[in-house]
Amino acid sequence: MRLEALRAVSYSELVDRLAGRVETDGVVGPSGARYQLEVQGLWDRDVGESLRVIVSVDDGGVRAFAPVSDDFIVARDGSFVGE
């Protein structure tokens, strides 16, 4: 859900918000379980070019060592790389 919302954000907004940064948030799932959410933006190759956005989630227990994650790469022109 968070990944889809981030895909709707413009390249420039993603860069301003995430490039070289990590955002963390606590979320509650439908079952009432609490999860740690981490969103990170990394330059995919060269600084100022494509930005890789990674969203990871874990339950704070054993899953913290192997979180579930997904990502996308957005180019400067707003297109998604590799899709």
PDB file of N, CA and C in Angstrom:
ATOM      1  N   MET A   1       0.830  -1.193   0.000  1.00  0.00           N
ATOM      2  CA  MET A   1       0.000   0.000   0.000  1.00  0.00           C
ATOM      3  C   MET A   1       0.874   1.257   0.000  1.00  0.00           C
ATOM      4  N   ARG A   2       1.880   1.306   0.873  1.00  0.00           N
ATOM      5  CA  ARG A   2       2.760   2.476   0.918  1.00  0.00           C
ATOM      6  C   ARG A   2       3.552   2.596  -0.382  1.00  0.00           C
ATOM      7  N   LEU A   3       3.979   1.462  -0.930  1.00  0.00           N
ATOM      8  CA  LEU A   3       4.738   1.474  -2.171  1.00  0.00           C
ATOM      9  C   LEU A   3       3.915   2.087  -3.298  1.00  0.00           C
ATOM     10  N   GLU A   4       2.656   1.697  -3.397  1.00  0.00           N
ATOM     11  CA  GLU A   4       1.788   2.249  -4.438  1.00  0.00           C
ATOM     12  C   GLU A   4       1.602   3.751  -4.277  1.00  0.00           C
ATOM     13  N   ALA A   5       1.461   4.202  -3.045  1.00  0.00           N
ATOM     14  CA  ALA A   5       1.307   5.641  -2.797  1.00  0.00           C
ATOM     15  C   ALA A   5       2.570   6.393  -3.214  1.00  0.00           C
ATOM     16  N   LEU A   6       3.729   5.819  -2.948  1.00  0.00           N
ATOM     17  CA  LEU A   6       4.980   6.471  -3.321  1.00  0.00           C
ATOM     18  C   LEU A   6       5.160   6.520  -4.835  1.00  0.00           C
ATOM     19  N   ARG A   7       4.645   5.533  -5.543  1.00  0.00           N
ATOM     20  CA  ARG A   7       4.737   5.523  -7.009  1.00  0.00           C
ATOM     21  C   ARG A   7       3.957   6.681  -7.627  1.00  0.00           C
ATOM     22  N   ALA A   8       2.999   7.235  -6.907  1.00  0.00           N
ATOM     23  CA  ALA A   8       2.193   8.352  -7.408  1.00  0.00           C
ATOM     24  C   ALA A   8       2.858   9.708  -7.153  1.00  0.00           C
ATOM     25  N   VAL A   9       3.961   9.716  -6.400  1.00  0.00           N
ATOM     26  CA  VAL A   9       4.669  10.957  -6.066  1.00  0.00           C
ATOM     27  C   VAL A   9       5.650  11.285  -7.199  1.00  0.00           C
ATOM     28  N   SER A  10       5.804  12.552  -7.502  1.00  0.00           N
ATOM     29  CA  SER A  10       6.702  12.955  -8.591  1.00  0.00           C
ATOM     30  C   SER A  10       8.166  12.662  -8.244  1.00  0.00           C
ATOM     31  N   TYR A  11       8.969  12.548  -9.291  1.00  0.00           N
ATOM     32  CA  TYR A  11      10.407  12.309  -9.132  1.00  0.00           C
ATOM     33  C   TYR A  11      11.036  13.370  -8.224  1.00  0.00           C
ATOM     34  N   SER A  12      10.751  14.640  -8.508  1.00  0.00           N
ATOM     35  CA  SER A  12      11.385  15.713  -7.728  1.00  0.00           C
ATOM     36  C   SER A  12      10.976  15.663  -6.260  1.00  0.00           C
ATOM     37  N   GLU A  13       9.731  15.323  -5.982  1.00  0.00           N
ATOM     38  CA  GLU A  13       9.294  15.202  -4.591  1.00  0.00           C
ATOM     39  C   GLU A  13       9.975  14.025  -3.905  1.00  0.00           C
ATOM     40  N   LEU A  14      10.107  12.904  -4.613  1.00  0.00           N
ATOM     41  CA  LEU A  14      10.789  11.741  -4.045  1.00  0.00           C
ATOM     42  C   LEU A  14      12.247  12.071  -3.735  1.00  0.00           C
ATOM     43  N   VAL A  15      12.906  12.762  -4.651  1.00  0.00           N
ATOM     44  CA  VAL A  15      14.303  13.146  -4.432  1.00  0.00           C
ATOM     45  C   VAL A  15      14.414  14.046  -3.211  1.00  0.00           C
ATOM     46  N   ASP A  16      13.569  15.071  -3.134  1.00  0.00           N
ATOM     47  CA  ASP A  16      13.616  16.000  -1.991  1.00  0.00           C
ATOM     48  C   ASP A  16      13.363  15.279  -0.672  1.00  0.00           C
ATOM     49  N   ARG A  17      12.462  14.338  -0.693  1.00  0.00           N
ATOM     50  CA  ARG A  17      12.042  13.654   0.530  1.00  0.00           C
ATOM     51  C   ARG A  17      12.961  12.502   0.929  1.00  0.00           C
ATOM     52  N   LEU A  18      13.464  11.741  -0.070  1.00  0.00           N
ATOM     53  CA  LEU A  18      14.099  10.465   0.256  1.00  0.00           C
ATOM     54  C   LEU A  18      15.557  10.296  -0.143  1.00  0.00           C
ATOM     55  N   ALA A  19      16.074  11.060  -1.081  1.00  0.00           N
ATOM     56  CA  ALA A  19      17.431  10.808  -1.590  1.00  0.00           C
ATOM     57  C   ALA A  19      18.443  10.795  -0.448  1.00  0.00           C
ATOM     58  N   GLY A  20      19.048   9.633  -0.234  1.00  0.00           N
ATOM     59  CA  GLY A  20      20.051   9.483   0.815  1.00  0.00           C
ATOM     60  C   GLY A  20      19.482   9.467   2.224  1.00  0.00           C
ATOM     61  N   ARG A  21      18.195   9.281   2.345  1.00  0.00           N
ATOM     62  CA  ARG A  21      17.546   9.302   3.667  1.00  0.00           C
ATOM     63  C   ARG A  21      16.745   8.025   3.906  1.00  0.00           C
ATOM     64  N   VAL A  22      16.416   7.822   5.169  1.00  0.00           N
ATOM     65  CA  VAL A  22      15.562   6.705   5.573  1.00  0.00           C
ATOM     66  C   VAL A  22      14.442   7.271   6.431  1.00  0.00           C
ATOM     67  N   GLU A  23      13.206   6.924   6.095  1.00  0.00           N
ATOM     68  CA  GLU A  23      12.044   7.275   6.923  1.00  0.00           C
ATOM     69  C   GLU A  23      11.577   6.000   7.612  1.00  0.00           C
ATOM     70  N   THR A  24      11.232   6.104   8.872  1.00  0.00           N
ATOM     71  CA  THR A  24      10.673   4.953   9.578  1.00  0.00           C
ATOM     72  C   THR A  24       9.316   5.333  10.149  1.00  0.00           C
ATOM     73  N   ASP A  25       8.479   4.333  10.287  1.00  0.00           N
ATOM     74  CA  ASP A  25       7.127   4.565  10.774  1.00  0.00           C
ATOM     75  C   ASP A  25       6.622   3.269  11.389  1.00  0.00           C
ATOM     76  N   GLY A  26       5.828   3.376  12.408  1.00  0.00           N
ATOM     77  CA  GLY A  26       5.143   2.223  12.971  1.00  0.00           C
ATOM     78  C   GLY A  26       3.735   2.165  12.399  1.00  0.00           C
ATOM     79  N   VAL A  27       3.320   1.001  11.950  1.00  0.00           N
ATOM     80  CA  VAL A  27       1.984   0.842  11.388  1.00  0.00           C
ATOM     81  C   VAL A  27       1.299  -0.345  12.051  1.00  0.00           C
ATOM     82  N   VAL A  28      -0.016  -0.330  12.029  1.00  0.00           N
ATOM     83  CA  VAL A  28      -0.812  -1.430  12.573  1.00  0.00           C
ATOM     84  C   VAL A  28      -1.509  -2.118  11.413  1.00  0.00           C
ATOM     85  N   GLY A  29      -1.315  -3.441  11.322  1.00  0.00           N
ATOM     86  CA  GLY A  29      -1.930  -4.216  10.257  1.00  0.00           C
ATOM     87  C   GLY A  29      -3.385  -4.510  10.548  1.00  0.00           C
ATOM     88  N   PRO A  30      -4.090  -5.102   9.578  1.00  0.00           N
ATOM     89  CA  PRO A  30      -5.510  -5.425   9.739  1.00  0.00           C
ATOM     90  C   PRO A  30      -5.794  -6.335  10.937  1.00  0.00           C
ATOM     91  N   SER A  31      -4.821  -7.168  11.304  1.00  0.00           N
ATOM     92  CA  SER A  31      -5.008  -8.086  12.432  1.00  0.00           C
ATOM     93  C   SER A  31      -4.767  -7.404  13.777  1.00  0.00           C
ATOM     94  N   GLY A  32      -4.269  -6.167  13.738  1.00  0.00           N
ATOM     95  CA  GLY A  32      -3.928  -5.450  14.963  1.00  0.00           C
ATOM     96  C   GLY A  32      -2.454  -5.571  15.319  1.00  0.00           C
ATOM     97  N   ALA A  33      -1.711  -6.379  14.551  1.00  0.00           N
ATOM     98  CA  ALA A  33      -0.271  -6.527  14.787  1.00  0.00           C
ATOM     99  C   ALA A  33       0.453  -5.241  14.397  1.00  0.00           C
ATOM    100  N   ARG A  34       1.501  -4.919  15.141  1.00  0.00           N
ATOM    101  CA  ARG A  34       2.294  -3.714  14.865  1.00  0.00           C
ATOM    102  C   ARG A  34       3.497  -4.089  14.013  1.00  0.00           C
ATOM    103  N   TYR A  35       3.822  -3.216  13.059  1.00  0.00           N
ATOM    104  CA  TYR A  35       4.936  -3.450  12.160  1.00  0.00           C
ATOM    105  C   TYR A  35       5.808  -2.203  12.070  1.00  0.00           C
ATOM    106  N   GLN A  36       7.085  -2.409  11.806  1.00  0.00           N
ATOM    107  CA  GLN A  36       8.033  -1.333  11.549  1.00  0.00           C
ATOM    108  C   GLN A  36       8.147  -1.188  10.038  1.00  0.00           C
ATOM    109  N   LEU A  37       7.934   0.011   9.537  1.00  0.00           N
ATOM    110  CA  LEU A  37       8.010   0.296   8.108  1.00  0.00           C
ATOM    111  C   LEU A  37       9.201   1.211   7.873  1.00  0.00           C
ATOM    112  N   GLU A  38      10.001   0.898   6.868  1.00  0.00           N
ATOM    113  CA  GLU A  38      11.161   1.710   6.526  1.00  0.00           C
ATOM    114  C   GLU A  38      11.108   2.036   5.047  1.00  0.00           C
ATOM    115  N   VAL A  39      11.271   3.307   4.720  1.00  0.00           N
ATOM    116  CA  VAL A  39      11.296   3.761   3.331  1.00  0.00           C
ATOM    117  C   VAL A  39      12.645   4.434   3.107  1.00  0.00           C
ATOM    118  N   GLN A  40      13.329   4.018   2.038  1.00  0.00           N
ATOM    119  CA  GLN A  40      14.674   4.522   1.778  1.00  0.00           C
ATOM    120  C   GLN A  40      14.806   4.900   0.311  1.00  0.00           C
ATOM    121  N   GLY A  41      15.528   5.974   0.050  1.00  0.00           N
ATOM    122  CA  GLY A  41      15.813   6.391  -1.319  1.00  0.00           C
ATOM    123  C   GLY A  41      17.306   6.360  -1.577  1.00  0.00           C
ATOM    124  N   LEU A  42      17.708   5.636  -2.618  1.00  0.00           N
ATOM    125  CA  LEU A  42      19.123   5.521  -2.977  1.00  0.00           C
ATOM    126  C   LEU A  42      19.286   5.837  -4.456  1.00  0.00           C
ATOM    127  N   TRP A  43      20.360   6.516  -4.787  1.00  0.00           N
ATOM    128  CA  TRP A  43      20.652   6.733  -6.201  1.00  0.00           C
ATOM    129  C   TRP A  43      20.971   5.382  -6.802  1.00  0.00           C
ATOM    130  N   ASP A  44      20.329   5.063  -7.921  1.00  0.00           N
ATOM    131  CA  ASP A  44      20.516   3.732  -8.503  1.00  0.00           C
ATOM    132  C   ASP A  44      21.898   3.579  -9.131  1.00  0.00           C
ATOM    133  N   ARG A  45      22.374   4.589  -9.791  1.00  0.00           N
ATOM    134  CA  ARG A  45      23.724   4.545 -10.373  1.00  0.00           C
ATOM    135  C   ARG A  45      24.442   5.840 -10.044  1.00  0.00           C
ATOM    136  N   ASP A  46      24.117   6.880 -10.775  1.00  0.00           N
ATOM    137  CA  ASP A  46      24.787   8.170 -10.595  1.00  0.00           C
ATOM    138  C   ASP A  46      23.893   9.124  -9.805  1.00  0.00           C
ATOM    139  N   VAL A  47      24.505   9.899  -8.931  1.00  0.00           N
ATOM    140  CA  VAL A  47      23.775  10.892  -8.149  1.00  0.00           C
ATOM    141  C   VAL A  47      23.061  11.843  -9.102  1.00  0.00           C
ATOM    142  N   GLY A  48      21.793  12.106  -8.831  1.00  0.00           N
ATOM    143  CA  GLY A  48      21.008  13.022  -9.639  1.00  0.00           C
ATOM    144  C   GLY A  48      20.307  12.363 -10.813  1.00  0.00           C
ATOM    145  N   GLU A  49      20.452  11.071 -10.946  1.00  0.00           N
ATOM    146  CA  GLU A  49      19.802  10.355 -12.046  1.00  0.00           C
ATOM    147  C   GLU A  49      18.635   9.534 -11.482  1.00  0.00           C
ATOM    148  N   SER A  50      18.583   8.251 -11.768  1.00  0.00           N
ATOM    149  CA  SER A  50      17.482   7.392 -11.309  1.00  0.00           C
ATOM    150  C   SER A  50      17.555   7.160  -9.802  1.00  0.00           C
ATOM    151  N   LEU A  51      16.381   7.186  -9.164  1.00  0.00           N
ATOM    152  CA  LEU A  51      16.281   6.983  -7.724  1.00  0.00           C
ATOM    153  C   LEU A  51      15.572   5.660  -7.455  1.00  0.00           C
ATOM    154  N   ARG A  52      16.205   4.821  -6.653  1.00  0.00           N
ATOM    155  CA  ARG A  52      15.591   3.564  -6.220  1.00  0.00           C
ATOM    156  C   ARG A  52      14.903   3.821  -4.879  1.00  0.00           C
ATOM    157  N   VAL A  53      13.629   3.491  -4.810  1.00  0.00           N
ATOM    158  CA  VAL A  53      12.849   3.650  -3.581  1.00  0.00           C
ATOM    159  C   VAL A  53      12.550   2.253  -3.049  1.00  0.00           C
ATOM    160  N   ILE A  54      12.956   2.000  -1.812  1.00  0.00           N
ATOM    161  CA  ILE A  54      12.794   0.682  -1.188  1.00  0.00           C
ATOM    162  C   ILE A  54      11.888   0.824   0.027  1.00  0.00           C
ATOM    163  N   VAL A  55      10.889  -0.048   0.107  1.00  0.00           N
ATOM    164  CA  VAL A  55      10.001  -0.104   1.269  1.00  0.00           C
ATOM    165  C   VAL A  55      10.178  -1.473   1.908  1.00  0.00           C
ATOM    166  N   SER A  56      10.509  -1.484   3.193  1.00  0.00           N
ATOM    167  CA  SER A  56      10.703  -2.730   3.944  1.00  0.00           C
ATOM    168  C   SER A  56       9.789  -2.723   5.156  1.00  0.00           C
ATOM    169  N   VAL A  57       9.318  -3.913   5.527  1.00  0.00           N
ATOM    170  CA  VAL A  57       8.447  -4.032   6.696  1.00  0.00           C
ATOM    171  C   VAL A  57       8.854  -5.265   7.496  1.00  0.00           C
ATOM    172  N   ASP A  58       8.825  -5.121   8.808  1.00  0.00           N
ATOM    173  CA  ASP A  58       9.096  -6.259   9.684  1.00  0.00           C
ATOM    174  C   ASP A  58       8.257  -6.128  10.950  1.00  0.00           C
ATOM    175  N   ASP A  59       8.187  -7.221  11.698  1.00  0.00           N
ATOM    176  CA  ASP A  59       7.355  -7.243  12.901  1.00  0.00           C
ATOM    177  C   ASP A  59       8.132  -6.931  14.177  1.00  0.00           C
ATOM    178  N   GLY A  60       9.388  -6.530  14.037  1.00  0.00           N
ATOM    179  CA  GLY A  60      10.199  -6.206  15.201  1.00  0.00           C
ATOM    180  C   GLY A  60      10.782  -7.427  15.878  1.00  0.00           C
ATOM    181  N   GLY A  61      10.424  -8.614  15.424  1.00  0.00           N
ATOM    182  CA  GLY A  61      10.956  -9.857  15.979  1.00  0.00           C
ATOM    183  C   GLY A  61      12.006 -10.425  15.047  1.00  0.00           C
ATOM    184  N   VAL A  62      11.906 -11.700  14.806  1.00  0.00           N
ATOM    185  CA  VAL A  62      12.853 -12.393  13.937  1.00  0.00           C
ATOM    186  C   VAL A  62      12.830 -11.816  12.524  1.00  0.00           C
ATOM    187  N   ARG A  63      11.667 -11.359  12.050  1.00  0.00           N
ATOM    188  CA  ARG A  63      11.556 -10.779  10.708  1.00  0.00           C
ATOM    189  C   ARG A  63      12.432  -9.531  10.538  1.00  0.00           C
ATOM    190  N   ALA A  64      12.854  -8.921  11.640  1.00  0.00           N
ATOM    191  CA  ALA A  64      13.708  -7.740  11.541  1.00  0.00           C
ATOM    192  C   ALA A  64      15.041  -8.088  10.872  1.00  0.00           C
ATOM    193  N   PHE A  65      15.442  -9.357  10.940  1.00  0.00           N
ATOM    194  CA  PHE A  65      16.697  -9.784  10.313  1.00  0.00           C
ATOM    195  C   PHE A  65      16.524 -10.077   8.825  1.00  0.00           C
ATOM    196  N   ALA A  66      15.283 -10.286   8.389  1.00  0.00           N
ATOM    197  CA  ALA A  66      14.981 -10.550   6.978  1.00  0.00           C
ATOM    198  C   ALA A  66      13.621  -9.930   6.647  1.00  0.00           C
ATOM    199  N   PRO A  67      13.576  -8.594   6.588  1.00  0.00           N
ATOM    200  CA  PRO A  67      12.287  -7.932   6.347  1.00  0.00           C
ATOM    201  C   PRO A  67      11.743  -8.222   4.948  1.00  0.00           C
ATOM    202  N   VAL A  68      10.440  -8.098   4.828  1.00  0.00           N
ATOM    203  CA  VAL A  68       9.801  -8.179   3.526  1.00  0.00           C
ATOM    204  C   VAL A  68      10.002  -6.815   2.869  1.00  0.00           C
ATOM    205  N   SER A  69      10.461  -6.817   1.626  1.00  0.00           N
ATOM    206  CA  SER A  69      10.693  -5.527   0.974  1.00  0.00           C
ATOM    207  C   SER A  69      10.340  -5.585  -0.506  1.00  0.00           C
ATOM    208  N   ASP A  70      10.117  -4.413  -1.057  1.00  0.00           N
ATOM    209  CA  ASP A  70       9.853  -4.252  -2.480  1.00  0.00           C
ATOM    210  C   ASP A  70      10.404  -2.887  -2.865  1.00  0.00           C
ATOM    211  N   ASP A  71      10.629  -2.683  -4.138  1.00  0.00           N
ATOM    212  CA  ASP A  71      11.206  -1.415  -4.569  1.00  0.00           C
ATOM    213  C   ASP A  71      10.780  -1.070  -5.989  1.00  0.00           C
ATOM    214  N   PHE A  72      11.104   0.139  -6.373  1.00  0.00           N
ATOM    215  CA  PHE A  72      10.955   0.581  -7.752  1.00  0.00           C
ATOM    216  C   PHE A  72      12.040   1.604  -8.023  1.00  0.00           C
ATOM    217  N   ILE A  73      12.318   1.816  -9.307  1.00  0.00           N
ATOM    218  CA  ILE A  73      13.302   2.810  -9.733  1.00  0.00           C
ATOM    219  C   ILE A  73      12.580   3.813 -10.620  1.00  0.00           C
ATOM    220  N   VAL A  74      12.739   5.081 -10.279  1.00  0.00           N
ATOM    221  CA  VAL A  74      12.112   6.144 -11.075  1.00  0.00           C
ATOM    222  C   VAL A  74      13.212   7.003 -11.702  1.00  0.00           C
ATOM    223  N   ALA A  75      13.070   7.251 -13.001  1.00  0.00           N
ATOM    224  CA  ALA A  75      14.031   8.071 -13.736  1.00  0.00           C
ATOM    225  C   ALA A  75      13.682   9.545 -13.597  1.00  0.00           C
ATOM    226  N   ARG A  76      14.624  10.400 -13.986  1.00  0.00           N
ATOM    227  CA  ARG A  76      14.410  11.856 -13.901  1.00  0.00           C
ATOM    228  C   ARG A  76      13.169  12.311 -14.651  1.00  0.00           C
ATOM    229  N   ASP A  77      12.809  11.610 -15.735  1.00  0.00           N
ATOM    230  CA  ASP A  77      11.640  12.011 -16.505  1.00  0.00           C
ATOM    231  C   ASP A  77      10.335  11.484 -15.925  1.00  0.00           C
ATOM    232  N   GLY A  78      10.414  10.799 -14.760  1.00  0.00           N
ATOM    233  CA  GLY A  78       9.221  10.294 -14.091  1.00  0.00           C
ATOM    234  C   GLY A  78       8.820   8.903 -14.510  1.00  0.00           C
ATOM    235  N   SER A  79       9.508   8.326 -15.483  1.00  0.00           N
ATOM    236  CA  SER A  79       9.183   6.953 -15.904  1.00  0.00           C
ATOM    237  C   SER A  79       9.793   5.950 -14.927  1.00  0.00           C
ATOM    238  N   PHE A  80       9.236   4.763 -14.917  1.00  0.00           N
ATOM    239  CA  PHE A  80       9.729   3.705 -14.047  1.00  0.00           C
ATOM    240  C   PHE A  80      10.699   2.831 -14.837  1.00  0.00           C
ATOM    241  N   VAL A  81      11.870   2.626 -14.315  1.00  0.00           N
ATOM    242  CA  VAL A  81      12.930   1.883 -14.989  1.00  0.00           C
ATOM    243  C   VAL A  81      12.692   0.389 -14.819  1.00  0.00           C
ATOM    244  N   GLY A  82      12.836  -0.351 -15.919  1.00  0.00           N
ATOM    245  CA  GLY A  82      12.751  -1.803 -15.870  1.00  0.00           C
ATOM    246  C   GLY A  82      11.343  -2.352 -15.848  1.00  0.00           C
ATOM    247  N   GLU A  83      10.374  -1.537 -16.172  1.00  0.00           N
ATOM    248  CA  GLU A  83       8.985  -2.028 -16.160  1.00  0.00           C
ATOM    249  C   GLU A  83       8.395  -1.975 -17.539  1.00  0.00           C
TER     250      GLU A  83
END
